[in-house]
PDB file of N, CA and C in Angstrom:
ATOM      1  N   UNK A   1    -142.801 -64.740 111.175  1.00  0.00           N
ATOM      2  CA  UNK A   1    -142.242 -65.667 110.220  1.00  0.00           C
ATOM      3  C   UNK A   1    -141.067 -65.016 109.497  1.00  0.00           C
ATOM      4  N   UNK A   2    -140.020 -65.781 109.343  1.00  0.00           N
ATOM      5  CA  UNK A   2    -138.847 -65.298 108.622  1.00  0.00           C
ATOM      6  C   UNK A   2    -139.116 -65.308 107.131  1.00  0.00           C
ATOM      7  N   UNK A   3    -138.669 -64.242 106.488  1.00  0.00           N
ATOM      8  CA  UNK A   3    -138.816 -64.160 105.041  1.00  0.00           C
ATOM      9  C   UNK A   3    -137.450 -64.359 104.404  1.00  0.00           C
ATOM     10  N   UNK A   4    -137.493 -64.820 103.166  1.00  0.00           N
ATOM     11  CA  UNK A   4    -136.265 -64.974 102.405  1.00  0.00           C
ATOM     12  C   UNK A   4    -136.481 -64.406 101.016  1.00  0.00           C
ATOM     13  N   UNK A   5    -135.393 -64.075 100.353  1.00  0.00           N
ATOM     14  CA  UNK A   5    -135.471 -63.598  98.974  1.00  0.00           C
ATOM     15  C   UNK A   5    -135.338 -64.787  98.045  1.00  0.00           C
ATOM     16  N   UNK A   6    -136.249 -64.856  97.092  1.00  0.00           N
ATOM     17  CA  UNK A   6    -136.248 -65.933  96.115  1.00  0.00           C
ATOM     18  C   UNK A   6    -136.196 -65.300  94.728  1.00  0.00           C
ATOM     19  N   UNK A   7    -135.285 -65.790  93.895  1.00  0.00           N
ATOM     20  CA  UNK A   7    -135.183 -65.295  92.524  1.00  0.00           C
ATOM     21  C   UNK A   7    -135.932 -66.250  91.604  1.00  0.00           C
ATOM     22  N   UNK A   8    -136.841 -65.686  90.827  1.00  0.00           N
ATOM     23  CA  UNK A   8    -137.607 -66.476  89.856  1.00  0.00           C
ATOM     24  C   UNK A   8    -137.314 -65.941  88.463  1.00  0.00           C
ATOM     25  N   UNK A   9    -137.450 -66.817  87.481  1.00  0.00           N
ATOM     26  CA  UNK A   9    -137.252 -66.438  86.082  1.00  0.00           C
ATOM     27  C   UNK A   9    -138.586 -66.511  85.360  1.00  0.00           C
ATOM     28  N   UNK A  10    -138.969 -65.384  84.781  1.00  0.00           N
ATOM     29  CA  UNK A  10    -140.212 -65.313  84.017  1.00  0.00           C
ATOM     30  C   UNK A  10    -139.885 -64.600  82.709  1.00  0.00           C
ATOM     31  N   UNK A  11    -140.147 -65.273  81.603  1.00  0.00           N
ATOM     32  CA  UNK A  11    -139.872 -64.728  80.271  1.00  0.00           C
ATOM     33  C   UNK A  11    -138.414 -64.249  80.157  1.00  0.00           C
ATOM     34  N   UNK A  12    -137.514 -65.089  80.637  1.00  0.00           N
ATOM     35  CA  UNK A  12    -136.076 -64.832  80.570  1.00  0.00           C
ATOM     36  C   UNK A  12    -135.649 -63.585  81.346  1.00  0.00           C
ATOM     37  N   UNK A  13    -136.443 -63.213  82.295  1.00  0.00           N
ATOM     38  CA  UNK A  13    -136.103 -62.082  83.179  1.00  0.00           C
ATOM     39  C   UNK A  13    -136.101 -62.576  84.610  1.00  0.00           C
ATOM     40  N   UNK A  14    -135.193 -62.067  85.399  1.00  0.00           N
ATOM     41  CA  UNK A  14    -135.111 -62.474  86.798  1.00  0.00           C
ATOM     42  C   UNK A  14    -135.810 -61.452  87.685  1.00  0.00           C
ATOM     43  N   UNK A  15    -136.567 -61.980  88.650  1.00  0.00           N
ATOM     44  CA  UNK A  15    -137.253 -61.155  89.633  1.00  0.00           C
ATOM     45  C   UNK A  15    -136.938 -61.715  91.009  1.00  0.00           C
ATOM     46  N   UNK A  16    -136.614 -60.857  91.942  1.00  0.00           N
ATOM     47  CA  UNK A  16    -136.381 -61.280  93.314  1.00  0.00           C
ATOM     48  C   UNK A  16    -137.608 -60.917  94.129  1.00  0.00           C
ATOM     49  N   UNK A  17    -138.153 -61.923  94.805  1.00  0.00           N
ATOM     50  CA  UNK A  17    -139.399 -61.765  95.539  1.00  0.00           C
ATOM     51  C   UNK A  17    -139.176 -62.243  96.971  1.00  0.00           C
ATOM     52  N   UNK A  18    -139.724 -61.514  97.921  1.00  0.00           N
ATOM     53  CA  UNK A  18    -139.662 -61.943  99.317  1.00  0.00           C
ATOM     54  C   UNK A  18    -140.840 -62.845  99.636  1.00  0.00           C
ATOM     55  N   UNK A  19    -140.576 -63.930 100.339  1.00  0.00           N
ATOM     56  CA  UNK A  19    -141.660 -64.814 100.747  1.00  0.00           C
ATOM     57  C   UNK A  19    -141.266 -65.566 102.011  1.00  0.00           C
ATOM     58  N   UNK A  20    -142.256 -66.124 102.676  1.00  0.00           N
ATOM     59  CA  UNK A  20    -141.996 -66.950 103.848  1.00  0.00           C
ATOM     60  C   UNK A  20    -141.311 -68.230 103.404  1.00  0.00           C
ATOM     61  N   UNK A  21    -140.449 -68.756 104.248  1.00  0.00           N
ATOM     62  CA  UNK A  21    -139.683 -69.947 103.881  1.00  0.00           C
ATOM     63  C   UNK A  21    -140.578 -71.102 103.468  1.00  0.00           C
ATOM     64  N   UNK A  22    -141.706 -71.297 104.158  1.00  0.00           N
ATOM     65  CA  UNK A  22    -142.585 -72.420 103.839  1.00  0.00           C
ATOM     66  C   UNK A  22    -143.366 -72.196 102.551  1.00  0.00           C
ATOM     67  N   UNK A  23    -143.332 -70.991 102.014  1.00  0.00           N
ATOM     68  CA  UNK A  23    -144.045 -70.685 100.775  1.00  0.00           C
ATOM     69  C   UNK A  23    -143.132 -70.664  99.554  1.00  0.00           C
ATOM     70  N   UNK A  24    -141.857 -70.941  99.747  1.00  0.00           N
ATOM     71  CA  UNK A  24    -140.867 -70.888  98.656  1.00  0.00           C
ATOM     72  C   UNK A  24    -141.270 -71.794  97.485  1.00  0.00           C
ATOM     73  N   UNK A  25    -141.602 -73.036  97.763  1.00  0.00           N
ATOM     74  CA  UNK A  25    -141.936 -73.988  96.694  1.00  0.00           C
ATOM     75  C   UNK A  25    -143.182 -73.536  95.930  1.00  0.00           C
ATOM     76  N   UNK A  26    -144.178 -73.024  96.653  1.00  0.00           N
ATOM     77  CA  UNK A  26    -145.384 -72.512  95.988  1.00  0.00           C
ATOM     78  C   UNK A  26    -145.045 -71.332  95.074  1.00  0.00           C
ATOM     79  N   UNK A  27    -144.171 -70.453  95.535  1.00  0.00           N
ATOM     80  CA  UNK A  27    -143.765 -69.307  94.726  1.00  0.00           C
ATOM     81  C   UNK A  27    -143.051 -69.763  93.457  1.00  0.00           C
ATOM     82  N   UNK A  28    -142.148 -70.709  93.593  1.00  0.00           N
ATOM     83  CA  UNK A  28    -141.430 -71.223  92.418  1.00  0.00           C
ATOM     84  C   UNK A  28    -142.389 -71.891  91.436  1.00  0.00           C
ATOM     85  N   UNK A  29    -143.344 -72.644  91.951  1.00  0.00           N
ATOM     86  CA  UNK A  29    -144.347 -73.276  91.086  1.00  0.00           C
ATOM     87  C   UNK A  29    -145.215 -72.233  90.392  1.00  0.00           C
ATOM     88  N   UNK A  30    -145.607 -71.190  91.134  1.00  0.00           N
ATOM     89  CA  UNK A  30    -146.420 -70.125  90.548  1.00  0.00           C
ATOM     90  C   UNK A  30    -145.649 -69.403  89.444  1.00  0.00           C
ATOM     91  N   UNK A  31    -144.376 -69.142  89.682  1.00  0.00           N
ATOM     92  CA  UNK A  31    -143.554 -68.466  88.672  1.00  0.00           C
ATOM     93  C   UNK A  31    -143.414 -69.329  87.425  1.00  0.00           C
ATOM     94  N   UNK A  32    -143.205 -70.621  87.611  1.00  0.00           N
ATOM     95  CA  UNK A  32    -143.079 -71.532  86.464  1.00  0.00           C
ATOM     96  C   UNK A  32    -144.391 -71.593  85.690  1.00  0.00           C
ATOM     97  N   UNK A  33    -145.500 -71.624  86.405  1.00  0.00           N
ATOM     98  CA  UNK A  33    -146.803 -71.672  85.739  1.00  0.00           C
ATOM     99  C   UNK A  33    -147.066 -70.372  84.977  1.00  0.00           C
ATOM    100  N   UNK A  34    -146.753 -69.239  85.593  1.00  0.00           N
ATOM    101  CA  UNK A  34    -146.933 -67.950  84.922  1.00  0.00           C
ATOM    102  C   UNK A  34    -146.049 -67.865  83.688  1.00  0.00           C
ATOM    103  N   UNK A  35    -144.810 -68.290  83.795  1.00  0.00           N
ATOM    104  CA  UNK A  35    -143.906 -68.285  82.657  1.00  0.00           C
ATOM    105  C   UNK A  35    -144.475 -69.132  81.517  1.00  0.00           C
ATOM    106  N   UNK A  36    -144.998 -70.299  81.862  1.00  0.00           N
ATOM    107  CA  UNK A  36    -145.607 -71.176  80.863  1.00  0.00           C
ATOM    108  C   UNK A  36    -146.798 -70.498  80.194  1.00  0.00           C
ATOM    109  N   UNK A  37    -147.643 -69.867  80.987  1.00  0.00           N
ATOM    110  CA  UNK A  37    -148.823 -69.189  80.431  1.00  0.00           C
ATOM    111  C   UNK A  37    -148.424 -68.045  79.505  1.00  0.00           C
ATOM    112  N   UNK A  38    -147.439 -67.268  79.912  1.00  0.00           N
ATOM    113  CA  UNK A  38    -146.985 -66.156  79.079  1.00  0.00           C
ATOM    114  C   UNK A  38    -146.392 -66.654  77.765  1.00  0.00           C
ATOM    115  N   UNK A  39    -145.596 -67.693  77.843  1.00  0.00           N
ATOM    116  CA  UNK A  39    -144.992 -68.249  76.629  1.00  0.00           C
ATOM    117  C   UNK A  39    -146.071 -68.841  75.704  1.00  0.00           C
ATOM    118  N   UNK A  40    -147.073 -69.452  76.296  1.00  0.00           N
ATOM    119  CA  UNK A  40    -148.160 -70.006  75.504  1.00  0.00           C
ATOM    120  C   UNK A  40    -148.920 -68.900  74.779  1.00  0.00           C
ATOM    121  N   UNK A  41    -149.222 -67.827  75.480  1.00  0.00           N
ATOM    122  CA  UNK A  41    -149.918 -66.693  74.865  1.00  0.00           C
ATOM    123  C   UNK A  41    -149.051 -66.100  73.763  1.00  0.00           C
ATOM    124  N   UNK A  42    -147.762 -65.942  74.041  1.00  0.00           N
ATOM    125  CA  UNK A  42    -146.859 -65.359  73.051  1.00  0.00           C
ATOM    126  C   UNK A  42    -146.771 -66.239  71.805  1.00  0.00           C
ATOM    127  N   UNK A  43    -146.746 -67.548  71.991  1.00  0.00           N
ATOM    128  CA  UNK A  43    -146.650 -68.472  70.857  1.00  0.00           C
ATOM    129  C   UNK A  43    -147.928 -68.462  70.013  1.00  0.00           C
ATOM    130  N   UNK A  44    -149.066 -68.209  70.642  1.00  0.00           N
ATOM    131  CA  UNK A  44    -150.347 -68.246  69.944  1.00  0.00           C
ATOM    132  C   UNK A  44    -150.783 -66.888  69.407  1.00  0.00           C
ATOM    133  N   UNK A  45    -150.070 -65.841  69.776  1.00  0.00           N
ATOM    134  CA  UNK A  45    -150.504 -64.490  69.440  1.00  0.00           C
ATOM    135  C   UNK A  45    -149.735 -63.946  68.245  1.00  0.00           C
ATOM    136  N   UNK A  46    -150.417 -63.170  67.439  1.00  0.00           N
ATOM    137  CA  UNK A  46    -149.758 -62.493  66.329  1.00  0.00           C
ATOM    138  C   UNK A  46    -148.989 -61.277  66.841  1.00  0.00           C
ATOM    139  N   UNK A  47    -149.424 -60.740  67.972  1.00  0.00           N
ATOM    140  CA  UNK A  47    -148.746 -59.616  68.595  1.00  0.00           C
ATOM    141  C   UNK A  47    -147.809 -60.185  69.648  1.00  0.00           C
ATOM    142  N   UNK A  48    -146.544 -59.858  69.567  1.00  0.00           N
ATOM    143  CA  UNK A  48    -145.574 -60.478  70.468  1.00  0.00           C
ATOM    144  C   UNK A  48    -145.134 -59.567  71.604  1.00  0.00           C
ATOM    145  N   UNK A  49    -145.755 -58.421  71.756  1.00  0.00           N
ATOM    146  CA  UNK A  49    -145.371 -57.511  72.823  1.00  0.00           C
ATOM    147  C   UNK A  49    -145.604 -58.128  74.190  1.00  0.00           C
ATOM    148  N   UNK A  50    -144.645 -57.948  75.083  1.00  0.00           N
ATOM    149  CA  UNK A  50    -144.727 -58.536  76.413  1.00  0.00           C
ATOM    150  C   UNK A  50    -145.944 -58.024  77.178  1.00  0.00           C
ATOM    151  N   UNK A  51    -146.231 -56.742  77.067  1.00  0.00           N
ATOM    152  CA  UNK A  51    -147.382 -56.183  77.779  1.00  0.00           C
ATOM    153  C   UNK A  51    -148.682 -56.858  77.336  1.00  0.00           C
ATOM    154  N   UNK A  52    -148.834 -57.079  76.046  1.00  0.00           N
ATOM    155  CA  UNK A  52    -150.016 -57.754  75.512  1.00  0.00           C
ATOM    156  C   UNK A  52    -150.105 -59.174  76.083  1.00  0.00           C
ATOM    157  N   UNK A  53    -148.997 -59.890  76.072  1.00  0.00           N
ATOM    158  CA  UNK A  53    -148.976 -61.260  76.590  1.00  0.00           C
ATOM    159  C   UNK A  53    -149.332 -61.295  78.073  1.00  0.00           C
ATOM    160  N   UNK A  54    -148.825 -60.341  78.833  1.00  0.00           N
ATOM    161  CA  UNK A  54    -149.107 -60.293  80.273  1.00  0.00           C
ATOM    162  C   UNK A  54    -150.588 -60.082  80.524  1.00  0.00           C
ATOM    163  N   UNK A  55    -151.203 -59.169  79.784  1.00  0.00           N
ATOM    164  CA  UNK A  55    -152.634 -58.900  79.979  1.00  0.00           C
ATOM    165  C   UNK A  55    -153.470 -60.126  79.616  1.00  0.00           C
ATOM    166  N   UNK A  56    -153.168 -60.762  78.490  1.00  0.00           N
ATOM    167  CA  UNK A  56    -153.937 -61.941  78.076  1.00  0.00           C
ATOM    168  C   UNK A  56    -153.744 -63.081  79.076  1.00  0.00           C
ATOM    169  N   UNK A  57    -152.514 -63.319  79.516  1.00  0.00           N
ATOM    170  CA  UNK A  57    -152.259 -64.378  80.502  1.00  0.00           C
ATOM    171  C   UNK A  57    -152.977 -64.066  81.812  1.00  0.00           C
ATOM    172  N   UNK A  58    -152.963 -62.804  82.231  1.00  0.00           N
ATOM    173  CA  UNK A  58    -153.660 -62.418  83.462  1.00  0.00           C
ATOM    174  C   UNK A  58    -155.162 -62.657  83.333  1.00  0.00           C
ATOM    175  N   UNK A  59    -155.721 -62.336  82.187  1.00  0.00           N
ATOM    176  CA  UNK A  59    -157.149 -62.600  81.965  1.00  0.00           C
ATOM    177  C   UNK A  59    -157.448 -64.096  82.007  1.00  0.00           C
ATOM    178  N   UNK A  60    -156.604 -64.903  81.374  1.00  0.00           N
ATOM    179  CA  UNK A  60    -156.801 -66.353  81.391  1.00  0.00           C
ATOM    180  C   UNK A  60    -156.733 -66.916  82.809  1.00  0.00           C
ATOM    181  N   UNK A  61    -155.729 -66.484  83.567  1.00  0.00           N
ATOM    182  CA  UNK A  61    -155.573 -66.979  84.940  1.00  0.00           C
ATOM    183  C   UNK A  61    -156.720 -66.518  85.831  1.00  0.00           C
ATOM    184  N   UNK A  62    -157.152 -65.274  85.655  1.00  0.00           N
ATOM    185  CA  UNK A  62    -158.278 -64.761  86.430  1.00  0.00           C
ATOM    186  C   UNK A  62    -159.546 -65.535  86.099  1.00  0.00           C
ATOM    187  N   UNK A  63    -159.742 -65.855  84.827  1.00  0.00           N
ATOM    188  CA  UNK A  63    -160.896 -66.645  84.423  1.00  0.00           C
ATOM    189  C   UNK A  63    -160.867 -68.023  85.099  1.00  0.00           C
ATOM    190  N   UNK A  64    -159.706 -68.668  85.117  1.00  0.00           N
ATOM    191  CA  UNK A  64    -159.584 -69.968  85.792  1.00  0.00           C
ATOM    192  C   UNK A  64    -159.941 -69.839  87.272  1.00  0.00           C
ATOM    193  N   UNK A  65    -159.409 -68.816  87.923  1.00  0.00           N
ATOM    194  CA  UNK A  65    -159.675 -68.608  89.350  1.00  0.00           C
ATOM    195  C   UNK A  65    -161.156 -68.378  89.607  1.00  0.00           C
ATOM    196  N   UNK A  66    -161.794 -67.541  88.806  1.00  0.00           N
ATOM    197  CA  UNK A  66    -163.213 -67.253  89.005  1.00  0.00           C
ATOM    198  C   UNK A  66    -164.077 -68.489  88.780  1.00  0.00           C
ATOM    199  N   UNK A  67    -163.706 -69.320  87.814  1.00  0.00           N
ATOM    200  CA  UNK A  67    -164.442 -70.571  87.605  1.00  0.00           C
ATOM    201  C   UNK A  67    -164.323 -71.476  88.829  1.00  0.00           C
ATOM    202  N   UNK A  68    -163.134 -71.558  89.384  1.00  0.00           N
ATOM    203  CA  UNK A  68    -162.938 -72.397  90.572  1.00  0.00           C
ATOM    204  C   UNK A  68    -163.728 -71.852  91.762  1.00  0.00           C
ATOM    205  N   UNK A  69    -163.791 -70.549  91.891  1.00  0.00           N
ATOM    206  CA  UNK A  69    -164.561 -69.946  92.990  1.00  0.00           C
ATOM    207  C   UNK A  69    -166.062 -70.129  92.787  1.00  0.00           C
ATOM    208  N   UNK A  70    -166.502 -70.113  91.546  1.00  0.00           N
ATOM    209  CA  UNK A  70    -167.925 -70.220  91.229  1.00  0.00           C
ATOM    210  C   UNK A  70    -168.461 -71.614  91.537  1.00  0.00           C
ATOM    211  N   UNK A  71    -167.625 -72.618  91.405  1.00  0.00           N
ATOM    212  CA  UNK A  71    -168.081 -73.996  91.580  1.00  0.00           C
ATOM    213  C   UNK A  71    -167.315 -74.713  92.691  1.00  0.00           C
ATOM    214  N   UNK A  72    -167.348 -74.175  93.907  1.00  0.00           N
ATOM    215  CA  UNK A  72    -166.599 -74.820  94.997  1.00  0.00           C
ATOM    216  C   UNK A  72    -167.204 -76.159  95.417  1.00  0.00           C
ATOM    217  N   UNK A  73    -168.438 -76.422  95.011  1.00  0.00           N
ATOM    218  CA  UNK A  73    -169.110 -77.662  95.397  1.00  0.00           C
ATOM    219  C   UNK A  73    -168.693 -78.835  94.516  1.00  0.00           C
ATOM    220  N   UNK A  74    -167.792 -78.644  93.587  1.00  0.00           N
ATOM    221  CA  UNK A  74    -167.371 -79.719  92.682  1.00  0.00           C
ATOM    222  C   UNK A  74    -165.945 -80.165  93.030  1.00  0.00           C
ATOM    223  N   UNK A  75    -165.773 -80.874  94.158  1.00  0.00           N
ATOM    224  CA  UNK A  75    -164.417 -81.235  94.585  1.00  0.00           C
ATOM    225  C   UNK A  75    -163.684 -82.145  93.608  1.00  0.00           C
ATOM    226  N   UNK A  76    -164.403 -83.038  92.911  1.00  0.00           N
ATOM    227  CA  UNK A  76    -163.717 -83.912  91.960  1.00  0.00           C
ATOM    228  C   UNK A  76    -163.137 -83.100  90.812  1.00  0.00           C
ATOM    229  N   UNK A  77    -163.912 -82.158  90.306  1.00  0.00           N
ATOM    230  CA  UNK A  77    -163.436 -81.317  89.206  1.00  0.00           C
ATOM    231  C   UNK A  77    -162.258 -80.465  89.668  1.00  0.00           C
ATOM    232  N   UNK A  78    -162.344 -79.953  90.885  1.00  0.00           N
ATOM    233  CA  UNK A  78    -161.255 -79.151  91.428  1.00  0.00           C
ATOM    234  C   UNK A  78    -160.003 -79.997  91.601  1.00  0.00           C
ATOM    235  N   UNK A  79    -160.152 -81.183  92.133  1.00  0.00           N
ATOM    236  CA  UNK A  79    -159.007 -82.077  92.306  1.00  0.00           C
ATOM    237  C   UNK A  79    -158.367 -82.416  90.969  1.00  0.00           C
ATOM    238  N   UNK A  80    -159.190 -82.671  89.969  1.00  0.00           N
ATOM    239  CA  UNK A  80    -158.673 -82.978  88.633  1.00  0.00           C
ATOM    240  C   UNK A  80    -157.951 -81.775  88.046  1.00  0.00           C
ATOM    241  N   UNK A  81    -158.511 -80.590  88.231  1.00  0.00           N
ATOM    242  CA  UNK A  81    -157.867 -79.370  87.714  1.00  0.00           C
ATOM    243  C   UNK A  81    -156.536 -79.136  88.414  1.00  0.00           C
ATOM    244  N   UNK A  82    -156.498 -79.327  89.714  1.00  0.00           N
ATOM    245  CA  UNK A  82    -155.251 -79.156  90.462  1.00  0.00           C
ATOM    246  C   UNK A  82    -154.217 -80.165  89.986  1.00  0.00           C
ATOM    247  N   UNK A  83    -154.642 -81.412  89.758  1.00  0.00           N
ATOM    248  CA  UNK A  83    -153.720 -82.440  89.276  1.00  0.00           C
ATOM    249  C   UNK A  83    -153.158 -82.046  87.909  1.00  0.00           C
ATOM    250  N   UNK A  84    -154.023 -81.570  87.027  1.00  0.00           N
ATOM    251  CA  UNK A  84    -153.590 -81.157  85.695  1.00  0.00           C
ATOM    252  C   UNK A  84    -152.613 -79.988  85.771  1.00  0.00           C
ATOM    253  N   UNK A  85    -152.940 -79.001  86.599  1.00  0.00           N
ATOM    254  CA  UNK A  85    -152.054 -77.846  86.747  1.00  0.00           C
ATOM    255  C   UNK A  85    -150.713 -78.259  87.345  1.00  0.00           C
ATOM    256  N   UNK A  86    -150.746 -79.143  88.329  1.00  0.00           N
ATOM    257  CA  UNK A  86    -149.512 -79.625  88.948  1.00  0.00           C
ATOM    258  C   UNK A  86    -148.638 -80.333  87.913  1.00  0.00           C
ATOM    259  N   UNK A  87    -149.247 -81.159  87.078  1.00  0.00           N
ATOM    260  CA  UNK A  87    -148.494 -81.861  86.024  1.00  0.00           C
ATOM    261  C   UNK A  87    -147.887 -80.864  85.045  1.00  0.00           C
ATOM    262  N   UNK A  88    -148.650 -79.850  84.680  1.00  0.00           N
ATOM    263  CA  UNK A  88    -148.141 -78.852  83.738  1.00  0.00           C
ATOM    264  C   UNK A  88    -146.953 -78.105  84.333  1.00  0.00           C
ATOM    265  N   UNK A  89    -147.054 -77.741  85.604  1.00  0.00           N
ATOM    266  CA  UNK A  89    -145.950 -77.046  86.261  1.00  0.00           C
ATOM    267  C   UNK A  89    -144.728 -77.955  86.329  1.00  0.00           C
ATOM    268  N   UNK A  90    -144.926 -79.218  86.687  1.00  0.00           N
ATOM    269  CA  UNK A  90    -143.806 -80.160  86.756  1.00  0.00           C
ATOM    270  C   UNK A  90    -143.161 -80.334  85.385  1.00  0.00           C
ATOM    271  N   UNK A  91    -143.974 -80.372  84.338  1.00  0.00           N
ATOM    272  CA  UNK A  91    -143.432 -80.492  82.987  1.00  0.00           C
ATOM    273  C   UNK A  91    -142.591 -79.275  82.613  1.00  0.00           C
ATOM    274  N   UNK A  92    -143.059 -78.093  82.998  1.00  0.00           N
ATOM    275  CA  UNK A  92    -142.308 -76.884  82.699  1.00  0.00           C
ATOM    276  C   UNK A  92    -140.977 -76.901  83.440  1.00  0.00           C
ATOM    277  N   UNK A  93    -141.018 -77.261  84.704  1.00  0.00           N
ATOM    278  CA  UNK A  93    -139.803 -77.278  85.510  1.00  0.00           C
ATOM    279  C   UNK A  93    -138.808 -78.308  84.974  1.00  0.00           C
ATOM    280  N   UNK A  94    -139.289 -79.455  84.521  1.00  0.00           N
ATOM    281  CA  UNK A  94    -138.407 -80.518  84.035  1.00  0.00           C
ATOM    282  C   UNK A  94    -138.033 -80.341  82.575  1.00  0.00           C
ATOM    283  N   UNK A  95    -138.670 -79.391  81.882  1.00  0.00           N
ATOM    284  CA  UNK A  95    -138.356 -79.156  80.481  1.00  0.00           C
ATOM    285  C   UNK A  95    -139.095 -80.067  79.520  1.00  0.00           C
ATOM    286  N   UNK A  96    -140.077 -80.835  80.018  1.00  0.00           N
ATOM    287  CA  UNK A  96    -140.871 -81.714  79.166  1.00  0.00           C
ATOM    288  C   UNK A  96    -141.874 -80.887  78.382  1.00  0.00           C
ATOM    289  N   UNK A  97    -141.994 -81.115  77.078  1.00  0.00           N
ATOM    290  CA  UNK A  97    -142.975 -80.350  76.293  1.00  0.00           C
ATOM    291  C   UNK A  97    -144.390 -80.580  76.794  1.00  0.00           C
ATOM    292  N   UNK A  98    -145.198 -79.534  76.733  1.00  0.00           N
ATOM    293  CA  UNK A  98    -146.582 -79.617  77.179  1.00  0.00           C
ATOM    294  C   UNK A  98    -147.475 -79.869  75.972  1.00  0.00           C
ATOM    295  N   UNK A  99    -148.317 -80.873  76.094  1.00  0.00           N
ATOM    296  CA  UNK A  99    -149.269 -81.182  75.035  1.00  0.00           C
ATOM    297  C   UNK A  99    -150.650 -80.803  75.534  1.00  0.00           C
ATOM    298  N   UNK A 100    -151.302 -79.898  74.817  1.00  0.00           N
ATOM    299  CA  UNK A 100    -152.632 -79.437  75.248  1.00  0.00           C
ATOM    300  C   UNK A 100    -153.706 -80.310  74.708  1.00  0.00           C
TER     301      UNK A 100
END
């Protein structure tokens, strides 16, 4: 598979990542979601250090992943969670404010 370089913006920093061409859109969505999570943690935290925000966001995302793995027999809940996450990513990409 051919790989391409994709530049993503996370916390106002640019990162160039190699990925397969068919995975480009997923990578961009993942970067937008991560950026949103980091900004959310930073906005809610009294400590504004980037390292702190990264660790908290990583813990939150890992918790979400483990919950999804723990309950694979709940397809409706998974579908709803995916729909919600997709909407949040689309809102971030379009610049629409996210309401929790």
